[in-house]
């Protein structure tokens, strides 16, 4: 599986961005997720979605971010609303045949896309 992330950029606090991650291979059967890493901080799992569409989110983004997938387009999205300066980070999409969680290193990673939220 190859993953290609896009959609990052500079946005003002309170604004929105949508990240996309295009996948090749047997995408529809894979668990997908978005991680982020800010300078000087550990990488964290932001959101994950199962092959069946079940989702979960980090507490810090619940109610603001939405992860979704379009299996026909082999793409997973992260809609980010009400962005805050603390959301500034490099965002990575990831895929795994079993699960994407905080306790398991995903098998496949895309390149990062920078999200910068100005206050």
N, C-alpha and C. Protein backbone atom coordinates (compact mmCIF):
# COMPACT_ATOMS: atom_id res chain seq x y z
N UNK A 1 0.85 -1.19 0.00
CA UNK A 1 0.00 0.00 0.00
C UNK A 1 0.88 1.24 0.00
N UNK A 2 0.61 2.12 -0.92
CA UNK A 2 1.29 3.41 -0.96
C UNK A 2 0.29 4.49 -0.62
N UNK A 3 0.71 5.45 0.20
CA UNK A 3 -0.18 6.50 0.68
C UNK A 3 0.39 7.85 0.29
N UNK A 4 -0.48 8.72 -0.20
CA UNK A 4 -0.09 10.05 -0.63
C UNK A 4 -1.00 11.07 0.05
N UNK A 5 -0.44 11.80 1.00
CA UNK A 5 -1.22 12.79 1.75
C UNK A 5 -1.12 14.17 1.10
N UNK A 6 -2.20 14.92 1.24
CA UNK A 6 -2.22 16.29 0.71
C UNK A 6 -3.24 17.10 1.49
N UNK A 7 -3.22 18.42 1.26
CA UNK A 7 -4.24 19.27 1.83
C UNK A 7 -3.79 20.16 2.97
N UNK A 8 -2.57 20.00 3.40
CA UNK A 8 -2.08 20.85 4.48
C UNK A 8 -1.90 22.29 4.02
N UNK A 9 -1.64 23.17 4.97
CA UNK A 9 -1.44 24.55 4.63
C UNK A 9 -1.48 25.43 5.86
N UNK A 10 -1.58 26.74 5.59
CA UNK A 10 -1.64 27.74 6.65
C UNK A 10 -3.07 28.25 6.76
N UNK A 11 -3.58 28.28 7.96
CA UNK A 11 -4.96 28.73 8.19
C UNK A 11 -5.02 29.48 9.50
N UNK A 12 -5.94 30.41 9.59
CA UNK A 12 -6.12 31.14 10.83
C UNK A 12 -6.89 30.32 11.84
N UNK A 13 -6.67 30.61 13.10
CA UNK A 13 -7.41 29.93 14.15
C UNK A 13 -8.91 30.10 13.91
N UNK A 14 -9.63 29.01 14.11
CA UNK A 14 -11.06 29.01 13.85
C UNK A 14 -11.42 28.56 12.45
N UNK A 15 -10.43 28.45 11.60
CA UNK A 15 -10.67 28.05 10.23
C UNK A 15 -10.72 26.54 10.06
N UNK A 16 -10.79 26.13 8.79
CA UNK A 16 -10.93 24.71 8.46
C UNK A 16 -9.95 24.30 7.38
N UNK A 17 -9.60 23.04 7.41
CA UNK A 17 -8.80 22.41 6.35
C UNK A 17 -9.30 20.98 6.18
N UNK A 18 -9.13 20.46 4.99
CA UNK A 18 -9.42 19.04 4.76
C UNK A 18 -8.18 18.37 4.21
N UNK A 19 -7.72 17.38 4.91
CA UNK A 19 -6.60 16.57 4.46
C UNK A 19 -7.13 15.36 3.69
N UNK A 20 -6.37 14.98 2.68
CA UNK A 20 -6.72 13.79 1.90
C UNK A 20 -5.53 12.84 1.87
N UNK A 21 -5.84 11.58 1.81
CA UNK A 21 -4.80 10.56 1.71
C UNK A 21 -5.25 9.54 0.68
N UNK A 22 -4.58 9.56 -0.46
CA UNK A 22 -4.91 8.63 -1.54
C UNK A 22 -4.07 7.38 -1.38
N UNK A 23 -4.72 6.24 -1.51
CA UNK A 23 -4.05 4.97 -1.29
C UNK A 23 -4.09 4.10 -2.53
N UNK A 24 -3.07 3.30 -2.66
CA UNK A 24 -3.04 2.29 -3.71
C UNK A 24 -3.14 0.92 -3.05
N UNK A 25 -3.31 -0.10 -3.81
CA UNK A 25 -3.36 -1.43 -3.23
C UNK A 25 -4.73 -1.78 -2.69
N UNK A 26 -4.75 -2.73 -1.76
CA UNK A 26 -6.02 -3.24 -1.22
C UNK A 26 -6.55 -2.32 -0.14
N UNK A 27 -6.80 -1.09 -0.53
CA UNK A 27 -7.13 -0.03 0.42
C UNK A 27 -8.38 -0.34 1.23
N UNK A 28 -9.43 -0.82 0.57
CA UNK A 28 -10.73 -0.90 1.23
C UNK A 28 -10.72 -1.85 2.42
N UNK A 29 -9.76 -2.75 2.49
CA UNK A 29 -9.71 -3.70 3.59
C UNK A 29 -8.84 -3.22 4.75
N UNK A 30 -8.23 -2.07 4.60
CA UNK A 30 -7.27 -1.60 5.58
C UNK A 30 -7.90 -0.64 6.58
N UNK A 31 -7.40 -0.71 7.79
CA UNK A 31 -7.69 0.28 8.81
C UNK A 31 -6.84 1.50 8.47
N UNK A 32 -7.42 2.69 8.55
CA UNK A 32 -6.72 3.92 8.18
C UNK A 32 -6.70 4.89 9.36
N UNK A 33 -5.70 5.73 9.36
CA UNK A 33 -5.65 6.71 10.44
C UNK A 33 -4.81 7.91 10.09
N UNK A 34 -4.97 8.94 10.90
CA UNK A 34 -4.16 10.15 10.81
C UNK A 34 -3.43 10.35 12.13
N UNK A 35 -2.15 10.57 12.03
CA UNK A 35 -1.31 10.92 13.17
C UNK A 35 -0.79 12.33 12.96
N UNK A 36 -0.30 12.92 14.02
CA UNK A 36 0.35 14.21 13.88
C UNK A 36 1.52 14.28 14.86
N UNK A 37 2.48 15.11 14.50
CA UNK A 37 3.62 15.34 15.36
C UNK A 37 4.01 16.81 15.30
N UNK A 38 3.95 17.44 16.44
CA UNK A 38 4.36 18.84 16.56
C UNK A 38 5.81 18.89 17.01
N UNK A 39 6.50 19.98 16.73
CA UNK A 39 7.90 20.10 17.13
C UNK A 39 8.08 19.89 18.63
N UNK A 40 9.01 19.01 18.98
CA UNK A 40 9.30 18.76 20.39
C UNK A 40 8.29 17.90 21.10
N UNK A 41 7.31 17.39 20.37
CA UNK A 41 6.29 16.55 20.99
C UNK A 41 6.28 15.17 20.37
N UNK A 42 5.70 14.24 21.11
CA UNK A 42 5.58 12.89 20.59
C UNK A 42 4.47 12.82 19.54
N UNK A 43 4.60 11.87 18.67
CA UNK A 43 3.57 11.64 17.67
C UNK A 43 2.30 11.15 18.37
N UNK A 44 1.15 11.63 17.90
CA UNK A 44 -0.10 11.18 18.50
C UNK A 44 -1.10 10.78 17.42
N UNK A 45 -1.92 9.83 17.78
CA UNK A 45 -3.00 9.39 16.89
C UNK A 45 -4.14 10.39 17.01
N UNK A 46 -4.52 10.96 15.88
CA UNK A 46 -5.59 11.95 15.85
C UNK A 46 -6.94 11.29 15.63
N UNK A 47 -7.01 10.42 14.63
CA UNK A 47 -8.27 9.79 14.28
C UNK A 47 -7.99 8.51 13.52
N UNK A 48 -8.91 7.57 13.63
CA UNK A 48 -8.77 6.31 12.92
C UNK A 48 -10.14 5.84 12.44
N UNK A 49 -10.14 5.07 11.35
CA UNK A 49 -11.38 4.56 10.79
C UNK A 49 -11.15 3.14 10.30
N UNK A 50 -12.05 2.26 10.68
CA UNK A 50 -11.93 0.87 10.28
C UNK A 50 -12.40 0.68 8.84
N UNK A 51 -12.19 -0.52 8.32
CA UNK A 51 -12.66 -0.81 6.97
C UNK A 51 -14.19 -0.74 6.91
N UNK A 52 -14.84 -0.95 8.03
CA UNK A 52 -16.30 -0.89 8.09
C UNK A 52 -16.84 0.48 8.41
N UNK A 53 -15.96 1.43 8.67
CA UNK A 53 -16.40 2.80 8.92
C UNK A 53 -16.48 3.21 10.37
N UNK A 54 -16.10 2.34 11.30
CA UNK A 54 -16.09 2.74 12.71
C UNK A 54 -14.95 3.73 12.94
N UNK A 55 -15.23 4.75 13.73
CA UNK A 55 -14.24 5.81 13.94
C UNK A 55 -13.93 6.01 15.41
N UNK A 56 -12.76 6.56 15.66
CA UNK A 56 -12.44 7.03 17.00
C UNK A 56 -11.46 8.19 16.87
N UNK A 57 -11.47 9.01 17.92
CA UNK A 57 -10.73 10.26 17.88
C UNK A 57 -9.96 10.49 19.17
N UNK A 58 -8.91 11.25 19.05
CA UNK A 58 -8.23 11.75 20.25
C UNK A 58 -9.17 12.74 20.94
N UNK A 59 -9.11 12.77 22.25
CA UNK A 59 -9.98 13.68 23.01
C UNK A 59 -9.80 15.13 22.57
N UNK A 60 -8.60 15.47 22.19
CA UNK A 60 -8.29 16.86 21.85
C UNK A 60 -8.96 17.34 20.57
N UNK A 61 -9.45 16.41 19.75
CA UNK A 61 -10.05 16.81 18.47
C UNK A 61 -11.51 16.41 18.36
N UNK A 62 -12.03 15.72 19.34
CA UNK A 62 -13.44 15.29 19.28
C UNK A 62 -14.35 16.49 19.13
N UNK A 63 -15.30 16.36 18.20
CA UNK A 63 -16.23 17.44 17.95
C UNK A 63 -15.73 18.45 16.95
N UNK A 64 -14.45 18.40 16.62
CA UNK A 64 -13.88 19.36 15.66
C UNK A 64 -13.39 18.68 14.38
N UNK A 65 -12.86 17.47 14.51
CA UNK A 65 -12.31 16.75 13.36
C UNK A 65 -13.23 15.59 13.00
N UNK A 66 -13.27 15.28 11.72
CA UNK A 66 -14.04 14.14 11.24
C UNK A 66 -13.21 13.35 10.24
N UNK A 67 -13.06 12.07 10.50
CA UNK A 67 -12.37 11.19 9.56
C UNK A 67 -13.41 10.44 8.76
N UNK A 68 -13.14 10.28 7.48
CA UNK A 68 -14.07 9.55 6.61
C UNK A 68 -13.26 8.87 5.52
N UNK A 69 -13.91 7.96 4.84
CA UNK A 69 -13.24 7.27 3.76
C UNK A 69 -14.19 7.08 2.59
N UNK A 70 -13.63 7.15 1.41
CA UNK A 70 -14.37 6.90 0.17
C UNK A 70 -13.66 5.74 -0.52
N UNK A 71 -14.20 4.55 -0.35
CA UNK A 71 -13.52 3.37 -0.89
C UNK A 71 -13.50 3.37 -2.41
N UNK A 72 -14.48 4.00 -3.03
CA UNK A 72 -14.49 4.06 -4.50
C UNK A 72 -13.33 4.89 -5.02
N UNK A 73 -12.90 5.86 -4.22
CA UNK A 73 -11.79 6.72 -4.62
C UNK A 73 -10.49 6.35 -3.93
N UNK A 74 -10.53 5.30 -3.12
CA UNK A 74 -9.32 4.88 -2.39
C UNK A 74 -8.72 6.04 -1.60
N UNK A 75 -9.57 6.79 -0.95
CA UNK A 75 -9.11 7.99 -0.27
C UNK A 75 -9.73 8.09 1.12
N UNK A 76 -8.91 8.52 2.08
CA UNK A 76 -9.39 8.81 3.41
C UNK A 76 -9.19 10.31 3.65
N UNK A 77 -10.14 10.90 4.35
CA UNK A 77 -10.13 12.34 4.58
C UNK A 77 -10.08 12.65 6.07
N UNK A 78 -9.55 13.81 6.36
CA UNK A 78 -9.64 14.35 7.71
C UNK A 78 -10.12 15.79 7.59
N UNK A 79 -11.39 15.99 7.92
CA UNK A 79 -11.97 17.33 7.93
C UNK A 79 -11.67 17.96 9.28
N UNK A 80 -10.99 19.08 9.25
CA UNK A 80 -10.59 19.74 10.50
C UNK A 80 -11.25 21.11 10.58
N UNK A 81 -12.11 21.27 11.56
CA UNK A 81 -12.82 22.52 11.78
C UNK A 81 -12.41 23.15 13.10
N UNK A 82 -12.72 24.41 13.25
CA UNK A 82 -12.41 25.14 14.50
C UNK A 82 -10.96 24.92 14.91
N UNK A 83 -10.09 25.09 13.96
CA UNK A 83 -8.68 24.81 14.22
C UNK A 83 -8.10 25.75 15.26
N UNK A 84 -7.19 25.19 16.04
CA UNK A 84 -6.51 25.93 17.09
C UNK A 84 -5.01 25.93 16.83
N UNK A 85 -4.32 26.84 17.46
CA UNK A 85 -2.87 26.90 17.25
C UNK A 85 -2.20 25.60 17.68
N UNK A 86 -2.78 24.94 18.68
CA UNK A 86 -2.18 23.68 19.15
C UNK A 86 -2.39 22.52 18.18
N UNK A 87 -3.15 22.75 17.11
CA UNK A 87 -3.29 21.73 16.06
C UNK A 87 -2.14 21.79 15.07
N UNK A 88 -1.30 22.79 15.19
CA UNK A 88 -0.15 22.91 14.29
C UNK A 88 0.77 21.72 14.44
N UNK A 89 1.03 21.04 13.33
CA UNK A 89 1.84 19.83 13.35
C UNK A 89 2.02 19.34 11.92
N UNK A 90 2.88 18.35 11.77
CA UNK A 90 2.93 17.59 10.53
C UNK A 90 1.97 16.42 10.70
N UNK A 91 1.08 16.28 9.76
CA UNK A 91 0.06 15.24 9.80
C UNK A 91 0.45 14.12 8.83
N UNK A 92 0.31 12.88 9.31
CA UNK A 92 0.67 11.70 8.53
C UNK A 92 -0.54 10.78 8.44
N UNK A 93 -0.78 10.25 7.26
CA UNK A 93 -1.77 9.18 7.19
C UNK A 93 -1.06 7.84 7.29
N UNK A 94 -1.79 6.86 7.75
CA UNK A 94 -1.23 5.54 7.98
C UNK A 94 -2.28 4.48 7.70
N UNK A 95 -1.80 3.28 7.41
CA UNK A 95 -2.69 2.16 7.12
C UNK A 95 -2.14 0.88 7.71
N UNK A 96 -3.05 0.03 8.10
CA UNK A 96 -2.64 -1.26 8.64
C UNK A 96 -3.74 -2.28 8.32
N UNK A 97 -3.36 -3.51 8.02
CA UNK A 97 -4.38 -4.52 7.71
C UNK A 97 -5.21 -4.94 8.93
N UNK A 98 -4.71 -4.67 10.12
CA UNK A 98 -5.42 -5.10 11.32
C UNK A 98 -6.11 -3.94 12.04
N UNK A 99 -5.32 -2.98 12.49
CA UNK A 99 -5.88 -1.89 13.28
C UNK A 99 -4.88 -0.74 13.31
N UNK A 100 -5.41 0.46 13.42
CA UNK A 100 -4.59 1.64 13.68
C UNK A 100 -4.95 2.11 15.08
N UNK A 101 -4.00 2.07 15.97
CA UNK A 101 -4.27 2.43 17.36
C UNK A 101 -3.02 3.08 17.95
N UNK A 102 -3.16 3.46 19.22
CA UNK A 102 -2.02 4.08 19.90
C UNK A 102 -0.98 3.06 20.33
N UNK A 103 -1.33 1.77 20.27
CA UNK A 103 -0.43 0.75 20.78
C UNK A 103 0.19 -0.10 19.69
N UNK A 104 -0.12 0.21 18.46
CA UNK A 104 0.39 -0.61 17.36
C UNK A 104 0.96 0.30 16.28
N UNK A 105 2.15 0.04 15.85
CA UNK A 105 2.77 0.81 14.79
C UNK A 105 2.15 0.40 13.46
N UNK A 106 1.52 1.33 12.75
CA UNK A 106 0.95 0.97 11.46
C UNK A 106 2.01 0.48 10.48
N UNK A 107 1.59 -0.40 9.61
CA UNK A 107 2.54 -0.98 8.68
C UNK A 107 2.95 0.00 7.58
N UNK A 108 2.00 0.84 7.17
CA UNK A 108 2.27 1.74 6.04
C UNK A 108 2.06 3.19 6.45
N UNK A 109 2.92 4.03 5.92
CA UNK A 109 2.87 5.46 6.22
C UNK A 109 2.94 6.27 4.95
N UNK A 110 2.22 7.37 4.94
CA UNK A 110 2.37 8.34 3.88
C UNK A 110 3.37 9.40 4.30
N UNK A 111 3.71 10.26 3.36
CA UNK A 111 4.58 11.37 3.73
C UNK A 111 3.76 12.38 4.52
N UNK A 112 4.38 13.21 5.27
CA UNK A 112 3.64 14.17 6.09
C UNK A 112 3.19 15.37 5.29
N UNK A 113 2.17 16.03 5.82
CA UNK A 113 1.71 17.29 5.26
C UNK A 113 1.61 18.29 6.42
N UNK A 114 2.17 19.46 6.22
CA UNK A 114 2.25 20.44 7.29
C UNK A 114 0.94 21.20 7.44
N UNK A 115 0.46 21.28 8.66
CA UNK A 115 -0.69 22.12 8.99
C UNK A 115 -0.21 23.16 9.99
N UNK A 116 -0.40 24.42 9.64
CA UNK A 116 0.00 25.52 10.51
C UNK A 116 -1.22 26.39 10.79
N UNK A 117 -1.53 26.56 12.06
CA UNK A 117 -2.68 27.37 12.46
C UNK A 117 -2.14 28.61 13.15
N UNK A 118 -2.44 29.76 12.57
CA UNK A 118 -1.96 31.01 13.15
C UNK A 118 -3.03 31.58 14.08
N UNK A 119 -2.56 32.12 15.19
CA UNK A 119 -3.50 32.67 16.18
C UNK A 119 -3.65 34.17 16.03
